[in-house]
Structures are given as C-alpha cells and as structure tokens.
Amino acid sequence: MAGAIETAVRGVVGAGLGALAGFNRGRMRPAPNRWMNGVFAPLADEATLEGLEVRGAIPEALDGLYVRNGANPLGHEHQPSHHWFLGEGMVHGVRLKGGRALWYRNRFVRSNAVSAFLGEAPAPGPRHPMTDVANTNVVALGARIYAIVEAAGFPVELSPELATLAHDPLQGTLTTPFSAHPHRDPETGRHHAICYEGAPNGRVWHVVVSPEGLVERAEEIAVADGPSIHDCAITARHVLVFDLPVTFALDRYVRGFRFPLAWNPKHASRVGVLGLDAPGSTIRWCAVDPCYVFHPANAFEAGDGTIVCDLVAHDSMFTTAGGGPDAKRITFERWTIDPAAGTVARRVLDDRPQEFPRIDERRTGRQHGRVWTAEVDTASVIATPRLLAHDVVAGTTSAHDFGLGAMVGEFVHVPRGPGETEGWLMGLVAWPDEGRSALMILDAAEIAGPPVAEVRIPRRIPPGFHGNWIPASPG
C-alpha cells in the first residue's frame, strides 16, 4: 500500500510541475536553436541507397551491419528549450557482405511523435511513462537489435533492415529505466548497466541482462539528488558507479527547459564499487575530485586491491540553463580506484579534448592495451577530422586525419584475430559542407595508414551518438 501511495503522490506532483513547466516554456521568446542548424540540422526523410561507391576493398570477412543512433528532432527550430540530447531517434546503417556494401539506410525510431509525423499508426508495445524516444545507442541483446536511451524510455526493437518492430521492455522483464550503455561480460555473456531515473531524487539500479536478453537482476543503489549516470564500467568482479555532480535540476525544469540536468557543486563526487552479484547496500564509495564522465573506456582489477579505469573526464558539465555539453577542459585519464582507502588517483594520459572511447570489447573488464577516441572541439562541441589511437601500455598516441572539413564520429573495433590490433576500426565520417559522408574502415594495427575501405554515402549525416557492428551470425 505504501508503494501505491508514493506512486500516486509522485504522479500528481509530476503532473503539476509538468503543467507549470509547459506554461513557462510557452513564454520563452522564440530564437534560432543551435541544435537544429548548421551541422546539427536534422534530416526530414528516410532513404535507402544501393550501388554505393567503394574506395579500397571491403574485407570479405565482414558480414553484418554497422549501425549508429542519434538525435534527429522534429520541429524545434526556434524553441530555445530544445536540447540536442532530446531529439527523436534516427539510426543510420550500412550492410556489408561478401566484400560489398549492399545498402545504406536511415530510419526514424518510431516514437508516437515520429509515427504521427510520418502519418503512420503507432508502433506496438508499451511506453515508458516519461518518454518513448530511444535516440542514443544501438545494441544486440540476445538475438534482438535494440535502439536504447538512458533514464527513461524502454528499448525499441529494430529489424536487421532498421524498421521499428516494437517498444519492448526486454520481453516484459525490465521494470526500471534502462541505460544507453550496457556492457557485456565476455566470460558470462551477461550485460551489466547502471540505470537511473531522471527525476528529483531519482533512483539508481544495477541491472543485469542475461545472454538471452532478459533482466536477471535489478539491485537498487542508494543515492541523493537524482544524479545523471550516463555510463558505467565493469571488471571481472565489480561494477563502477560514477556518482558525479550533475543532477536533476528541478528549478530548470519548472522554468521550461526540456533538458533539466545541471552541474551541482553541492553534490558529492564519488565512484562506487559494487560486486557484480552483491546487494546494493554493500557498495563502497571512493571520493574523487569534481568532474563529469560520460564514457569510461574500460576498467580492470590491478591485482593489488585497486581498480584501474581509463576514461574521458570533463572538468564540469551543464553549467548553463539549457546549454551544454559545456566543459572547458576534457582529458583522457587513468583513474586508480582504491576501495579499501576510499580514494581515486587521477592521471592525465592525453590532454587533447576527445570523446567516445572504445576498446576491443573482448577485453571488457580485463586489462586492455588500446583505446580509440574521437577528437572534439571543446568550444563548439563539434568533432574534428581526427581519430586517436592510444597505446596505454607504451604511453603513445597516433592519429588518422580524415582531412579538411571532416567530422569523425565514434569508431568501433571489429576483431579478425586474437590480438587487439588484429582487427578493423569502423565508423561514420561526415563532410557537412560537401553534403557527403562515408563509412570508413581502418586497420586497427596502424590507423595512420590509408583506409582499408571507404564506403561513400552521397548524403549528409548529422552528428550522432553511439553505434555498433552487429555480425550477421553472432558468436
């Protein structure tokens, strides 16, 4: 009964606040929105392109789908309350098989708003109470492909041709919000995620998904202030929880801003260490200097009781209402976390601004040697032409420059042998001023060399978020 009363009270308060927020939003003076213009201008149509030009040679071993998700808003050109992170989901995919690029497709992920925009019936399946948008990542869970988002919104199942099949809380097993970044343990096949509720005093859970794509565990972790936890990291024995000073900002929400997260210097900055099968009450917290982490690359047990985690750290985040990302300094760092002492030691590995760190995911939770990142421009939040390769053992970094006007996105590692450098790196690069893009394939052993293959896409692809290589035959 207590739970039902709490739910009812939260619903009434939420409705009242929502009405006030909507009123204040309507009073905002219309102005051009940066997230709807220039390189961020969304696409209004869906396309299927075949007979794509290929430069170089696509490796015959690549049989599968490269797919990336991102925000593609509808009708927010002059709404100052709109934020890039809130746009409708749009996936961009390239199907490779037999040394050929069979097609490029872009498809909206069907929220109710998208279906209405396209004049279609709503997609089947239950909706999360907060939103039905899934715009951040695309992953394979079990035998299904899902578009996913953090904090609110259920996963949305996609077909291998990128059509929306259904909104699906993991076959009815998901009872919490989900994450944009579930991490697969290569030993068990289970995915681990830290999921949070985007609300005042929002709750946080460690969610475990079985190899078959069903939720096995949702263990609550006590937090305060409703923190934003975009991603997590796992080791062979632990999950890391990044409880940092970005929290739900009720005042911004009530003032009408659609993206109500804010830098909160009063919120303690800490990293939690929780056993993969342990109760949430046993989490050990380690203090860290205030900063914000969107994306860790990987973490592993060091053997002396400490945990090593390589990640990208922002000195602050969302410091202005409706703004951000707005860090003044972004660095690639190694954190040494000591659960016994409750401390975190930070060391800068590379001080160039960068994001989207990825590894050979067969090393997830185990010691790694390579991390690949996309260099970004801190001031404009726009990607540069450079992809970086960090050898964290040798302490060296190399780069591939895609040339004047190029914007590099997240690149994923596709293995072809047991070593981290025995594989390919794959990702989308756009030349917005030229109205073209490409799926680029690089040799992971030496990214500075010429591309292995370039699949040319005669179409502008706006900046996006995350994606993956999904083999046609998993395993």
Protein backbone atom coordinates (compact mmCIF):
# COMPACT_ATOMS: atom_id res chain seq x y z
CA MET A 1 0.00 0.00 0.00
CA ALA A 2 2.84 2.43 0.85
CA GLY A 3 4.32 1.91 -2.61
CA ALA A 4 0.97 2.64 -4.28
CA ILE A 5 0.53 5.85 -2.26
CA GLU A 6 4.07 7.00 -3.11
CA THR A 7 3.46 6.36 -6.81
CA ALA A 8 0.19 8.30 -6.75
CA VAL A 9 1.77 11.29 -4.96
CA ARG A 10 4.72 11.34 -7.37
CA GLY A 11 2.28 11.25 -10.29
CA VAL A 12 0.24 14.20 -9.03
CA VAL A 13 3.31 16.28 -8.26
CA GLY A 14 4.79 15.40 -11.63
CA ALA A 15 1.65 16.44 -13.48
CA GLY A 16 1.51 19.76 -11.67
CA LEU A 17 5.15 20.53 -12.27
CA GLY A 18 4.79 19.47 -15.88
CA ALA A 19 1.91 21.92 -16.38
CA LEU A 20 3.93 24.77 -14.85
CA ALA A 21 6.97 23.85 -16.96
CA GLY A 22 4.82 23.83 -20.09
CA PHE A 23 3.39 27.26 -19.25
CA ASN A 24 6.85 28.75 -18.73
CA ARG A 25 8.14 27.07 -21.87
CA GLY A 26 5.42 28.77 -23.87
CA ARG A 27 6.54 32.15 -22.55
CA MET A 28 10.11 31.76 -23.83
CA ARG A 29 10.95 34.08 -26.70
CA PRO A 30 11.49 32.10 -29.93
CA ALA A 31 15.10 32.10 -31.12
CA PRO A 32 17.20 30.05 -33.54
CA ASN A 33 18.26 26.81 -31.86
CA ARG A 34 21.87 25.72 -32.39
CA TRP A 35 20.88 22.06 -32.21
CA MET A 36 18.63 22.49 -35.24
CA ASN A 37 21.01 24.43 -37.50
CA GLY A 38 24.34 24.09 -39.27
CA VAL A 39 25.95 20.68 -38.94
CA PHE A 40 23.26 19.67 -36.41
CA ALA A 41 20.36 20.32 -38.79
CA PRO A 42 18.21 17.18 -38.76
CA LEU A 43 17.09 15.06 -41.70
CA ALA A 44 13.40 15.06 -42.58
CA ASP A 45 13.37 11.97 -44.79
CA GLU A 46 14.34 8.32 -44.84
CA ALA A 47 16.45 6.91 -47.66
CA THR A 48 17.71 3.59 -48.98
CA LEU A 49 20.81 3.85 -51.17
CA GLU A 50 22.26 0.91 -53.07
CA GLY A 51 25.17 0.65 -55.51
CA LEU A 52 27.38 2.67 -53.18
CA GLU A 53 30.84 3.67 -54.40
CA VAL A 54 33.63 1.89 -52.52
CA ARG A 55 37.23 3.04 -52.47
CA GLY A 56 39.71 0.42 -51.36
CA ALA A 57 38.45 -3.09 -50.63
CA ILE A 58 35.90 -4.14 -48.02
CA PRO A 59 37.29 -7.24 -46.24
CA GLU A 60 35.40 -10.39 -47.25
CA ALA A 61 35.22 -11.43 -43.58
CA LEU A 62 32.92 -8.50 -42.73
CA ASP A 63 29.38 -9.87 -42.86
CA GLY A 64 26.97 -7.80 -40.81
CA LEU A 65 25.51 -4.41 -40.06
CA TYR A 66 27.20 -1.24 -38.90
CA VAL A 67 24.53 0.93 -37.28
CA ARG A 68 24.63 4.20 -35.32
CA ASN A 69 21.92 6.09 -33.45
CA GLY A 70 21.49 9.80 -32.83
CA ALA A 71 19.07 12.61 -32.11
CA ASN A 72 17.06 13.88 -35.09
CA PRO A 73 14.46 16.36 -33.78
CA LEU A 74 11.14 17.35 -35.30
CA GLY A 75 10.07 21.00 -35.47
CA HIS A 76 12.21 22.66 -32.78
CA GLU A 77 13.99 25.21 -34.98
CA HIS A 78 13.10 28.20 -32.82
CA GLN A 79 12.39 26.62 -29.45
CA PRO A 80 15.08 27.78 -27.01
CA SER A 81 14.12 24.98 -24.64
CA HIS A 82 15.11 22.20 -27.06
CA HIS A 83 18.36 20.31 -26.46
CA TRP A 84 20.38 18.10 -28.80
CA PHE A 85 20.11 15.10 -26.46
CA LEU A 86 16.31 15.09 -26.65
CA GLY A 87 15.69 14.74 -30.39
CA GLU A 88 13.86 11.78 -31.92
CA GLY A 89 15.97 8.72 -32.60
CA MET A 90 17.33 8.12 -36.10
CA VAL A 91 19.54 5.15 -36.98
CA HIS A 92 21.99 5.09 -39.88
CA GLY A 93 23.17 1.71 -41.09
CA VAL A 94 25.39 0.10 -43.74
CA ARG A 95 25.06 -3.61 -44.56
CA LEU A 96 28.32 -5.32 -45.56
CA LYS A 97 28.57 -8.80 -47.10
CA GLY A 98 30.96 -10.61 -49.43
CA GLY A 99 33.25 -7.62 -49.87
CA ARG A 100 30.32 -5.40 -50.90
CA ALA A 101 28.26 -2.62 -49.34
CA LEU A 102 24.72 -3.83 -50.01
CA TRP A 103 22.97 -0.69 -48.80
CA TYR A 104 22.88 2.41 -46.64
CA ARG A 105 19.64 3.20 -44.81
CA ASN A 106 18.49 5.84 -42.35
CA ARG A 107 15.31 5.25 -40.39
CA PHE A 108 13.48 7.09 -37.64
CA VAL A 109 12.99 5.06 -34.47
CA ARG A 110 9.20 5.17 -34.22
CA SER A 111 8.08 7.14 -31.20
CA ASN A 112 4.45 8.25 -31.18
CA ALA A 113 5.55 11.69 -32.40
CA VAL A 114 7.50 10.21 -35.30
CA SER A 115 4.62 7.95 -36.31
CA ALA A 116 2.28 10.95 -36.33
CA PHE A 117 4.83 12.99 -38.33
CA LEU A 118 5.03 10.20 -40.92
CA GLY A 119 1.27 9.60 -40.95
CA GLU A 120 1.58 6.04 -39.62
CA ALA A 121 -0.17 4.06 -36.92
CA PRO A 122 1.80 3.99 -33.64
CA ALA A 123 4.36 1.22 -33.28
CA PRO A 124 3.23 -1.62 -31.00
CA GLY A 125 4.41 -2.19 -27.45
CA PRO A 126 4.22 -0.46 -24.04
CA ARG A 127 5.65 3.01 -23.48
CA HIS A 128 7.68 4.22 -20.53
CA PRO A 129 5.72 6.89 -18.58
CA MET A 130 8.39 9.56 -19.19
CA THR A 131 9.19 9.17 -22.91
CA ASP A 132 9.07 6.77 -25.84
CA VAL A 133 12.16 8.21 -27.57
CA ALA A 134 15.21 5.92 -28.00
CA ASN A 135 17.98 8.01 -29.56
CA THR A 136 21.35 7.17 -28.02
CA ASN A 137 22.72 3.72 -28.89
CA VAL A 138 22.01 0.53 -30.85
CA VAL A 139 22.95 -2.84 -29.33
CA ALA A 140 22.29 -6.54 -29.75
CA LEU A 141 20.78 -8.17 -26.65
CA GLY A 142 20.22 -11.86 -27.12
CA ALA A 143 19.04 -12.37 -30.70
CA ARG A 144 17.39 -8.93 -30.94
CA ILE A 145 18.58 -5.50 -32.04
CA TYR A 146 17.50 -2.58 -29.83
CA ALA A 147 17.64 1.19 -30.00
CA ILE A 148 18.15 2.39 -26.43
CA VAL A 149 18.28 5.53 -24.30
CA GLU A 150 19.13 6.30 -20.68
CA ALA A 151 16.97 7.34 -17.72
CA ALA A 152 13.58 6.92 -19.38
CA GLY A 153 12.15 5.04 -22.32
CA PHE A 154 12.04 1.32 -22.99
CA PRO A 155 14.29 -0.33 -25.58
CA VAL A 156 12.83 -0.34 -29.10
CA GLU A 157 13.37 -3.48 -31.16
CA LEU A 158 14.59 -2.98 -34.73
CA SER A 159 14.71 -5.37 -37.65
CA PRO A 160 18.05 -6.09 -39.39
CA GLU A 161 16.76 -3.66 -42.05
CA LEU A 162 16.30 -0.98 -39.34
CA ALA A 163 12.50 -0.97 -39.29
CA THR A 164 10.90 -0.39 -35.87
CA LEU A 165 9.25 -3.62 -34.69
CA ALA A 166 8.03 -2.77 -31.18
CA HIS A 167 8.72 -0.91 -27.96
CA ASP A 168 9.86 -3.74 -25.72
CA PRO A 169 10.84 -3.70 -22.02
CA LEU A 170 13.04 -6.73 -22.72
CA GLN A 171 10.18 -9.14 -23.18
CA GLY A 172 8.42 -7.79 -20.11
CA THR A 173 11.34 -8.31 -17.71
CA LEU A 174 12.50 -4.68 -17.44
CA THR A 175 10.77 -2.86 -14.56
CA THR A 176 13.23 0.06 -14.22
CA PRO A 177 14.56 2.65 -16.63
CA PHE A 178 17.34 1.33 -18.84
CA SER A 179 20.78 2.62 -19.85
CA ALA A 180 22.37 3.74 -23.11
CA HIS A 181 25.45 1.66 -22.23
CA PRO A 182 25.01 -1.95 -21.15
CA HIS A 183 28.41 -3.69 -21.04
CA ARG A 184 28.79 -7.35 -21.97
CA ASP A 185 30.96 -9.51 -19.73
CA PRO A 186 32.88 -11.70 -22.21
CA GLU A 187 33.12 -14.55 -19.68
CA THR A 188 29.43 -14.86 -18.82
CA GLY A 189 27.68 -13.21 -21.76
CA ARG A 190 25.67 -11.08 -19.33
CA HIS A 191 25.22 -7.34 -19.87
CA HIS A 192 25.65 -5.01 -16.88
CA ALA A 193 24.22 -1.49 -16.72
CA ILE A 194 23.76 1.27 -14.20
CA CYS A 195 20.29 2.68 -14.78
CA TYR A 196 18.84 5.83 -13.26
CA GLU A 197 15.52 7.60 -13.04
CA GLY A 198 15.65 11.12 -14.49
CA ALA A 199 13.63 12.83 -11.76
CA PRO A 200 14.08 14.74 -8.49
CA ASN A 201 15.67 12.33 -6.02
CA GLY A 202 15.69 9.78 -8.83
CA ARG A 203 16.67 6.21 -8.01
CA VAL A 204 19.60 4.14 -9.36
CA TRP A 205 19.85 0.42 -10.10
CA HIS A 206 22.44 -2.12 -11.15
CA VAL A 207 20.64 -4.06 -13.89
CA VAL A 208 21.90 -7.38 -15.26
CA VAL A 209 20.62 -8.77 -18.56
CA SER A 210 21.04 -12.46 -19.40
CA PRO A 211 22.70 -13.72 -22.60
CA GLU A 212 19.16 -14.28 -23.87
CA GLY A 213 18.26 -10.61 -23.37
CA LEU A 214 16.13 -10.93 -20.21
CA VAL A 215 16.58 -8.96 -16.99
CA GLU A 216 18.01 -11.20 -14.24
CA ARG A 217 18.67 -8.60 -11.57
CA ALA A 218 17.74 -5.01 -10.68
CA GLU A 219 19.55 -4.09 -7.48
CA GLU A 220 18.85 -0.60 -6.12
CA ILE A 221 21.74 1.63 -5.02
CA ALA A 222 21.10 4.46 -2.57
CA VAL A 223 21.94 7.94 -3.93
CA ALA A 224 20.84 11.54 -3.35
CA ASP A 225 19.77 14.47 -5.57
CA GLY A 226 18.87 12.44 -8.68
CA PRO A 227 22.33 12.08 -10.30
CA SER A 228 22.90 11.64 -14.03
CA ILE A 229 24.89 8.43 -14.63
CA HIS A 230 25.33 8.11 -18.36
CA ASP A 231 27.60 5.07 -18.37
CA CYS A 232 29.39 2.59 -16.12
CA ALA A 233 32.35 0.21 -16.29
CA ILE A 234 32.75 -3.38 -15.19
CA THR A 235 35.66 -5.54 -14.15
CA ALA A 236 35.73 -9.32 -13.74
CA ARG A 237 34.26 -8.85 -10.22
CA HIS A 238 32.80 -5.35 -9.89
CA VAL A 239 30.68 -2.65 -11.49
CA LEU A 240 31.75 1.01 -11.15
CA VAL A 241 29.11 3.66 -10.44
CA PHE A 242 30.01 7.25 -11.42
CA ASP A 243 28.00 9.39 -8.99
CA LEU A 244 29.25 12.84 -10.02
CA PRO A 245 28.00 16.44 -9.62
CA VAL A 246 25.42 16.54 -12.42
CA THR A 247 21.93 16.11 -11.02
CA PHE A 248 18.29 16.71 -11.87
CA ALA A 249 17.61 20.46 -11.64
CA LEU A 250 14.00 21.00 -10.63
CA ASP A 251 14.32 24.79 -11.00
CA ARG A 252 15.42 24.48 -14.63
CA TYR A 253 12.60 22.06 -15.36
CA VAL A 254 9.98 24.36 -13.86
CA ARG A 255 11.42 27.32 -15.82
CA GLY A 256 10.62 25.42 -19.00
CA PHE A 257 13.92 23.91 -20.07
CA ARG A 258 13.38 20.47 -21.58
CA PHE A 259 16.81 19.22 -20.53
CA PRO A 260 16.77 19.60 -16.72
CA LEU A 261 20.26 18.42 -15.76
CA ALA A 262 22.73 20.81 -14.13
CA TRP A 263 26.17 21.00 -12.57
CA ASN A 264 25.62 20.74 -8.81
CA PRO A 265 28.74 21.60 -6.75
CA LYS A 266 26.91 20.62 -3.55
CA HIS A 267 26.62 17.02 -4.72
CA ALA A 268 29.49 14.80 -3.56
CA SER A 269 31.75 13.50 -6.34
CA ARG A 270 32.43 9.79 -5.92
CA VAL A 271 32.87 6.42 -7.61
CA GLY A 272 31.06 3.39 -6.25
CA VAL A 273 32.50 -0.14 -6.35
CA LEU A 274 29.87 -2.88 -6.18
CA GLY A 275 30.27 -6.64 -6.58
CA LEU A 276 28.59 -7.95 -9.72
CA ASP A 277 26.29 -10.15 -7.62
CA ALA A 278 26.34 -8.12 -4.39
CA PRO A 279 23.49 -6.28 -2.62
CA GLY A 280 23.36 -2.55 -3.33
CA SER A 281 23.89 -1.84 0.36
CA THR A 282 27.45 -3.23 0.15
CA ILE A 283 28.69 -0.62 -2.33
CA ARG A 284 31.96 1.07 -1.36
CA TRP A 285 32.26 4.76 -2.24
CA CYS A 286 35.54 6.42 -3.21
CA ALA A 287 35.90 10.20 -3.29
CA VAL A 288 37.15 11.85 -6.48
CA ASP A 289 37.79 15.46 -7.48
CA PRO A 290 34.64 17.04 -9.01
CA CYS A 291 34.27 16.32 -12.71
CA TYR A 292 31.85 14.56 -15.05
CA VAL A 293 32.26 11.33 -17.00
CA PHE A 294 30.07 10.44 -19.94
CA HIS A 295 32.14 7.47 -21.09
CA PRO A 296 34.68 5.17 -19.48
CA ALA A 297 36.74 3.12 -21.93
CA ASN A 298 37.26 0.09 -19.67
CA ALA A 299 38.24 -1.00 -16.17
CA PHE A 300 40.12 -3.96 -14.70
CA GLU A 301 41.36 -5.36 -11.39
CA ALA A 302 45.01 -4.39 -10.86
CA GLY A 303 45.84 -7.33 -8.58
CA ASP A 304 46.76 -5.23 -5.53
CA GLY A 305 43.18 -4.49 -4.46
CA THR A 306 42.86 -1.43 -6.67
CA ILE A 307 40.88 -1.00 -9.89
CA VAL A 308 42.23 0.79 -12.95
CA CYS A 309 39.79 2.68 -15.20
CA ASP A 310 40.60 4.61 -18.37
CA LEU A 311 38.01 7.26 -19.25
CA VAL A 312 37.28 10.72 -20.61
CA ALA A 313 36.80 13.35 -17.89
CA HIS A 314 35.10 16.76 -18.27
CA ASP A 315 36.01 19.43 -15.74
CA SER A 316 32.32 20.43 -15.47
CA MET A 317 29.08 19.91 -17.36
CA PHE A 318 25.71 21.64 -17.97
CA THR A 319 26.70 24.78 -16.10
CA THR A 320 24.25 26.98 -18.03
CA ALA A 321 20.49 26.52 -18.31
CA GLY A 322 19.56 24.71 -21.49
CA GLY A 323 23.21 24.55 -22.54
CA GLY A 324 25.99 22.08 -22.82
CA PRO A 325 27.92 20.00 -23.21
CA ASP A 326 29.99 22.93 -21.99
CA ALA A 327 33.18 21.69 -20.33
CA LYS A 328 36.18 23.99 -20.52
CA ARG A 329 38.66 21.10 -20.32
CA ILE A 330 38.34 17.49 -21.48
CA THR A 331 41.09 14.95 -20.88
CA PHE A 332 41.72 11.25 -21.40
CA GLU A 333 42.68 9.92 -17.97
CA ARG A 334 43.59 6.83 -15.97
CA TRP A 335 41.92 6.53 -12.58
CA THR A 336 43.27 4.19 -9.92
CA ILE A 337 40.44 3.40 -7.53
CA ASP A 338 41.27 2.08 -4.06
CA PRO A 339 38.08 0.72 -2.43
CA ALA A 340 39.88 -0.01 0.85
CA ALA A 341 41.12 3.57 1.24
CA GLY A 342 38.07 5.16 -0.40
CA THR A 343 40.23 7.18 -2.81
CA VAL A 344 40.68 7.79 -6.53
CA ALA A 345 44.03 8.87 -8.01
CA ARG A 346 43.74 10.64 -11.38
CA ARG A 347 46.44 10.78 -14.07
CA VAL A 348 46.10 12.51 -17.44
CA LEU A 349 47.13 10.25 -20.33
CA ASP A 350 46.33 12.72 -23.12
CA ASP A 351 45.20 16.32 -22.70
CA ARG A 352 43.60 16.79 -26.12
CA PRO A 353 39.80 17.16 -25.94
CA GLN A 354 38.26 13.88 -27.08
CA GLU A 355 35.28 11.59 -26.54
CA PHE A 356 33.68 8.26 -27.46
CA PRO A 357 36.42 5.94 -26.09
CA ARG A 358 36.18 2.35 -27.35
CA ILE A 359 38.26 -0.78 -26.88
CA ASP A 360 38.40 -4.30 -28.26
CA GLU A 361 35.33 -5.40 -26.31
CA ARG A 362 36.65 -8.92 -25.86
CA ARG A 363 38.80 -7.18 -23.21
CA THR A 364 35.84 -5.68 -21.34
CA GLY A 365 36.57 -5.88 -17.62
CA ARG A 366 40.06 -7.22 -18.28
CA GLN A 367 43.37 -5.47 -18.87
CA HIS A 368 43.48 -3.69 -22.22
CA GLY A 369 46.27 -2.12 -24.20
CA ARG A 370 44.50 0.08 -26.77
CA VAL A 371 41.81 2.75 -26.58
CA TRP A 372 40.42 4.60 -29.61
CA THR A 373 38.78 8.03 -29.26
CA ALA A 374 37.41 10.83 -31.47
CA GLU A 375 39.00 14.23 -31.05
CA VAL A 376 36.48 17.03 -30.46
CA ASP A 377 36.48 20.82 -30.35
CA THR A 378 35.66 21.84 -26.78
CA ALA A 379 34.18 25.23 -27.58
CA SER A 380 31.82 24.20 -30.42
CA VAL A 381 31.02 20.60 -29.35
CA ILE A 382 31.85 19.63 -32.93
CA ALA A 383 34.05 16.71 -33.90
CA THR A 384 37.39 17.31 -35.58
CA PRO A 385 38.79 15.26 -38.50
CA ARG A 386 41.00 13.16 -36.21
CA LEU A 387 40.62 9.68 -34.76
CA LEU A 388 43.12 8.90 -31.97
CA ALA A 389 44.67 5.56 -31.03
CA HIS A 390 46.12 5.33 -27.51
CA ASP A 391 48.60 2.61 -26.63
CA VAL A 392 48.14 2.81 -22.86
CA VAL A 393 50.96 0.34 -22.22
CA ALA A 394 53.63 2.14 -24.25
CA GLY A 395 52.17 5.55 -23.45
CA THR A 396 51.99 6.63 -27.10
CA THR A 397 49.22 8.04 -29.31
CA SER A 398 48.81 8.00 -33.08
CA ALA A 399 46.11 9.59 -35.22
CA HIS A 400 44.26 9.36 -38.51
CA ASP A 401 43.28 12.70 -40.06
CA PHE A 402 40.36 12.46 -42.49
CA GLY A 403 41.07 15.84 -43.99
CA LEU A 404 39.76 19.37 -44.13
CA GLY A 405 36.08 19.69 -43.23
CA ALA A 406 35.69 16.13 -41.94
CA MET A 407 33.82 15.33 -38.72
CA VAL A 408 34.74 11.99 -37.18
CA GLY A 409 32.31 10.05 -35.01
CA GLU A 410 32.68 7.08 -32.66
CA PHE A 411 34.63 4.17 -34.16
CA VAL A 412 34.08 0.57 -33.09
CA HIS A 413 36.56 -2.31 -33.09
CA VAL A 414 35.79 -5.41 -35.18
CA PRO A 415 38.17 -8.32 -34.44
CA ARG A 416 39.80 -10.58 -37.04
CA GLY A 417 42.28 -12.36 -34.74
CA PRO A 418 43.07 -12.75 -31.02
CA GLY A 419 45.10 -9.54 -30.66
CA GLU A 420 43.68 -6.05 -30.07
CA THR A 421 45.35 -4.77 -33.23
CA GLU A 422 44.24 -7.77 -35.29
CA GLY A 423 41.07 -6.18 -36.50
CA TRP A 424 39.41 -3.19 -38.07
CA LEU A 425 38.06 0.11 -36.81
CA MET A 426 34.78 1.19 -38.33
CA GLY A 427 32.77 4.40 -38.07
CA LEU A 428 30.96 7.20 -39.85
CA VAL A 429 32.74 10.33 -41.02
CA ALA A 430 30.87 13.33 -42.47
CA TRP A 431 31.90 16.26 -44.64
CA PRO A 432 28.90 18.55 -43.97
CA ASP A 433 29.96 21.36 -46.29
CA GLU A 434 30.22 18.87 -49.16
CA GLY A 435 26.94 17.11 -48.34
CA ARG A 436 28.54 13.69 -48.14
CA SER A 437 29.53 11.05 -45.59
CA ALA A 438 31.30 7.70 -45.54
CA LEU A 439 31.62 4.51 -43.56
CA MET A 440 35.37 4.29 -43.03
CA ILE A 441 37.22 1.05 -42.30
CA LEU A 442 40.76 1.33 -40.88
CA ASP A 443 43.39 -1.22 -39.92
CA ALA A 444 43.46 -1.33 -36.11
CA ALA A 445 47.19 -2.08 -36.18
CA GLU A 446 48.04 1.27 -37.76
CA ILE A 447 45.26 3.81 -38.03
CA ALA A 448 47.54 6.48 -39.51
CA GLY A 449 47.77 4.47 -42.74
CA PRO A 450 45.39 4.71 -45.69
CA PRO A 451 41.84 3.44 -45.05
CA VAL A 452 41.22 -0.22 -45.81
CA ALA A 453 37.92 0.82 -47.38
CA GLU A 454 35.71 3.87 -47.75
CA VAL A 455 32.01 3.30 -48.41
CA ARG A 456 30.89 6.62 -49.89
CA ILE A 457 27.42 7.87 -48.92
CA PRO A 458 26.22 10.80 -51.08
CA ARG A 459 24.26 12.29 -48.23
CA ARG A 460 24.92 14.49 -45.18
CA ILE A 461 24.70 12.55 -41.93
CA PRO A 462 24.36 14.85 -38.87
CA PRO A 463 26.50 14.27 -35.75
CA GLY A 464 25.19 11.37 -33.69
CA PHE A 465 25.96 9.34 -30.63
CA HIS A 466 26.68 5.61 -30.43
CA GLY A 467 26.54 2.52 -32.56
CA ASN A 468 27.96 -0.94 -33.04
CA TRP A 469 28.94 -3.62 -35.50
CA ILE A 470 26.33 -6.40 -35.39
CA PRO A 471 27.53 -9.58 -37.12
CA ALA A 472 25.06 -11.44 -39.32
CA SER A 473 25.95 -14.61 -37.42
CA PRO A 474 26.58 -13.77 -33.72
CA GLY A 475 29.37 -15.58 -31.94
